[in-house]
Protein backbone atom coordinates (compact mmCIF):
# COMPACT_ATOMS: atom_id res chain seq x y z
CA MET A 1 116.29 148.69 110.45
CA THR A 2 118.34 145.59 109.98
CA GLU A 3 117.71 143.12 107.28
CA GLU A 4 117.17 139.58 108.19
CA PRO A 5 118.65 136.93 106.02
CA SER A 6 116.11 135.43 103.68
CA VAL A 7 115.03 131.90 104.38
CA ASN A 8 113.17 130.02 101.75
CA THR A 9 109.95 128.68 103.04
CA PRO A 10 107.68 126.27 101.27
CA ASP A 11 105.29 129.09 100.62
CA GLU A 12 107.76 131.00 98.60
CA ASP A 13 108.30 130.28 94.96
CA THR A 14 111.91 129.41 94.57
CA GLU A 15 113.65 127.25 92.11
CA PRO A 16 115.08 124.10 93.58
CA THR A 17 118.79 123.71 93.39
CA GLU A 18 120.52 120.86 91.51
CA GLU A 19 121.07 119.02 94.74
CA ALA A 20 117.41 119.08 95.56
CA GLU A 21 116.53 117.77 92.10
CA GLN A 22 118.82 114.78 92.54
CA VAL A 23 117.23 113.89 95.83
CA ASP A 24 113.80 114.07 94.26
CA VAL A 25 114.83 111.72 91.43
CA GLU A 26 116.32 109.17 93.79
CA GLU A 27 113.25 109.13 96.00
CA GLN A 28 110.91 108.30 93.12
CA PRO A 29 110.29 104.55 92.69
CA SER A 30 111.56 103.21 89.40
CA ALA A 31 110.09 100.40 87.32
CA SER A 32 113.13 98.13 87.83
CA VAL A 33 112.82 97.94 91.63
CA GLU A 34 111.07 94.78 92.86
CA VAL A 35 107.99 95.05 94.90
CA VAL A 36 108.69 94.03 98.47
CA LEU A 37 106.62 91.01 99.50
CA ASP A 38 104.52 91.07 102.52
CA PRO A 39 106.72 89.71 105.35
CA LEU A 40 104.10 87.10 106.20
CA GLU A 41 103.99 85.79 102.61
CA GLU A 42 107.78 85.73 102.48
CA ALA A 43 107.96 83.77 105.75
CA LEU A 44 105.33 81.31 104.51
CA ALA A 45 107.24 80.76 101.26
CA ARG A 46 110.48 80.11 103.20
CA ALA A 47 108.66 77.72 105.54
CA GLU A 48 107.16 75.84 102.60
CA HIS A 49 110.60 75.55 100.98
CA ALA A 50 112.09 74.31 104.26
CA GLU A 51 109.33 71.70 104.63
CA ARG A 52 110.06 70.39 101.11
CA GLU A 53 113.77 70.18 101.91
CA ILE A 54 113.03 68.30 105.13
CA ALA A 55 110.78 65.86 103.25
CA TYR A 56 113.52 65.24 100.65
CA LYS A 57 116.11 64.67 103.38
CA GLU A 58 113.78 62.31 105.22
CA ALA A 59 113.14 60.33 102.02
CA ASP A 60 116.90 60.14 101.37
CA LEU A 61 117.44 58.90 104.91
CA GLN A 62 114.74 56.24 104.54
CA ASN A 63 116.24 55.09 101.22
CA ALA A 64 119.70 54.88 102.78
CA ARG A 65 118.31 52.80 105.67
CA LYS A 66 116.61 50.42 103.23
CA ARG A 67 119.79 50.15 101.15
CA PHE A 68 121.90 49.40 104.25
CA ALA A 69 119.39 46.80 105.45
CA GLN A 70 119.48 45.13 102.02
CA GLU A 71 123.29 45.17 102.03
CA ARG A 72 123.32 43.59 105.51
CA ALA A 73 120.88 40.90 104.34
CA ASP A 74 122.99 40.21 101.24
CA LEU A 75 126.12 40.02 103.37
CA ALA A 76 124.46 37.52 105.69
CA ARG A 77 123.13 35.53 102.75
CA TYR A 78 126.21 35.57 100.53
CA GLY A 79 128.94 36.21 103.11
CA ALA A 80 130.22 32.64 102.84
CA GLN A 81 130.40 32.76 99.05
CA HIS A 82 134.20 32.77 98.88
CA LEU A 83 134.55 29.90 101.36
CA ALA A 84 131.75 27.93 99.68
CA ARG A 85 133.48 28.30 96.31
CA ARG A 86 136.70 26.91 97.79
CA MET A 87 134.90 24.04 99.54
CA THR A 88 133.12 23.01 96.32
CA GLY A 89 136.57 22.70 94.76
CA VAL A 90 137.61 20.38 97.60
CA LEU A 91 134.42 18.34 97.08
CA VAL A 92 135.18 17.98 93.36
CA ASP A 93 138.73 16.86 94.20
CA VAL A 94 137.45 14.24 96.66
CA ASP A 95 135.00 13.00 93.98
CA ARG A 96 137.92 12.70 91.53
CA ALA A 97 139.94 10.76 94.09
CA LEU A 98 137.03 8.39 94.69
CA SER A 99 136.47 7.85 90.97
CA ASN A 100 140.17 7.05 90.39
CA LEU A 101 140.34 4.34 93.05
CA PRO A 102 140.35 0.80 91.76
CA ASP A 103 136.97 -0.92 91.71
CA ASP A 104 138.11 -3.46 94.28
CA ALA A 105 139.41 -0.78 96.67
CA GLU A 106 138.40 -1.14 100.28
CA GLY A 107 139.70 -0.31 103.67
CA PRO A 108 140.09 2.72 105.86
CA VAL A 109 141.30 5.06 103.06
CA LEU A 110 138.17 4.45 100.99
CA GLU A 111 135.94 4.78 104.06
CA GLY A 112 137.72 7.98 105.08
CA LEU A 113 137.31 9.55 101.62
CA GLN A 114 133.62 8.57 101.53
CA MET A 115 133.03 10.05 104.99
CA LEU A 116 134.87 13.24 103.98
CA ARG A 117 132.81 13.49 100.81
CA GLU A 118 129.53 13.02 102.68
CA ARG A 119 130.50 15.57 105.33
CA LEU A 120 131.52 18.18 102.73
CA ALA A 121 128.32 17.61 100.76
CA SER A 122 126.09 17.91 103.84
CA GLU A 123 127.85 21.07 105.08
CA LEU A 124 127.53 22.70 101.66
CA THR A 125 123.86 21.71 101.46
CA SER A 126 123.20 23.22 104.88
CA ALA A 127 124.83 26.45 103.63
CA ASN A 128 122.36 26.45 100.67
CA VAL A 129 124.95 25.40 98.09
CA THR A 130 123.37 23.32 95.33
CA ARG A 131 124.87 21.42 92.44
CA ILE A 132 123.92 22.58 88.94
CA SER A 133 122.37 19.69 87.05
CA ALA A 134 123.69 19.87 83.52
CA LYS A 135 123.91 16.49 81.78
CA GLY A 136 120.95 15.94 79.47
CA GLN A 137 119.68 19.49 80.02
CA SER A 138 119.50 22.36 77.53
CA PHE A 139 122.62 24.50 77.55
CA ASP A 140 122.20 27.53 79.85
CA PRO A 141 125.00 30.09 79.44
CA ALA A 142 124.08 31.68 82.78
CA THR A 143 125.02 28.54 84.72
CA MET A 144 127.17 26.56 82.29
CA GLU A 145 130.39 27.02 80.38
CA ALA A 146 130.73 25.19 77.07
CA ILE A 147 134.23 23.76 76.90
CA THR A 148 133.73 22.06 73.54
CA THR A 149 130.99 21.09 71.11
CA VAL A 150 130.14 17.90 69.25
CA PRO A 151 127.90 17.45 66.22
CA ALA A 152 124.22 17.05 67.03
CA SER A 153 122.67 13.63 66.65
CA ASP A 154 119.33 11.91 67.14
CA GLU A 155 120.33 11.08 70.69
CA HIS A 156 121.58 14.62 71.46
CA PRO A 157 119.79 17.47 69.64
CA ALA A 158 121.50 20.84 69.12
CA GLY A 159 121.81 22.87 72.29
CA GLN A 160 121.70 19.90 74.64
CA VAL A 161 124.47 19.11 77.13
CA VAL A 162 126.13 15.86 76.09
CA ASP A 163 128.60 15.48 78.96
CA GLU A 164 129.55 17.25 82.17
CA LEU A 165 133.31 17.64 82.49
CA GLU A 166 133.20 19.44 85.84
CA PRO A 167 130.18 20.09 88.06
CA GLY A 168 128.94 23.59 88.78
CA PHE A 169 127.53 24.97 92.01
CA MET A 170 125.17 27.75 93.10
CA LEU A 171 124.76 29.60 96.39
CA HIS A 172 121.09 30.56 96.65
CA ASP A 173 120.58 32.24 93.26
CA ARG A 174 124.23 33.10 92.50
CA VAL A 175 126.58 30.92 90.48
CA LEU A 176 129.64 29.94 92.51
CA SER A 177 131.22 28.06 89.62
CA PRO A 178 129.64 27.24 86.26
CA ALA A 179 129.28 23.64 85.14
CA ARG A 180 131.87 22.91 82.44
CA VAL A 181 130.11 20.94 79.73
CA VAL A 182 130.22 19.48 76.22
CA VAL A 183 127.34 20.75 74.07
CA ALA A 184 125.80 19.35 70.90
CA SER A 185 125.70 21.90 68.09
């Protein structure tokens, strides 16, 4: 009779080897392992996150469009600011020339200066450039620059503009050049 090699079957009581014990330990779930979410719940959470991201991106895009539209409107409204500032300087110079002519001046030079002054003034008005009225007004540091001060009197209380040394101009609601004034203090 020949002996057959012994094969351990599950029915037999045998001690597991070290290798078998390690496999058993690794197969047991530990407390530190996260529970796997249901694939449907995980997909829904990712979809919800993606929808929020899309909404944020859409809001950013809308804000950028509004900002660009506002910048275009400002450019159209204030695009001529630099040129208007330079033209107001020319207008002031023409006014100075007219005020320095003798009282009895007449002729084509006077007529030419007056026509130039009227044309400059009308073009600036059509471009929404307005003159800052200062004389007799209360001093406004946003639109006026105090060059000097004089003591207050009954005629000119403190804070009132006594004299306008140079006119100021505005384009819509922006100051092109402040009015240079003398203020009672």
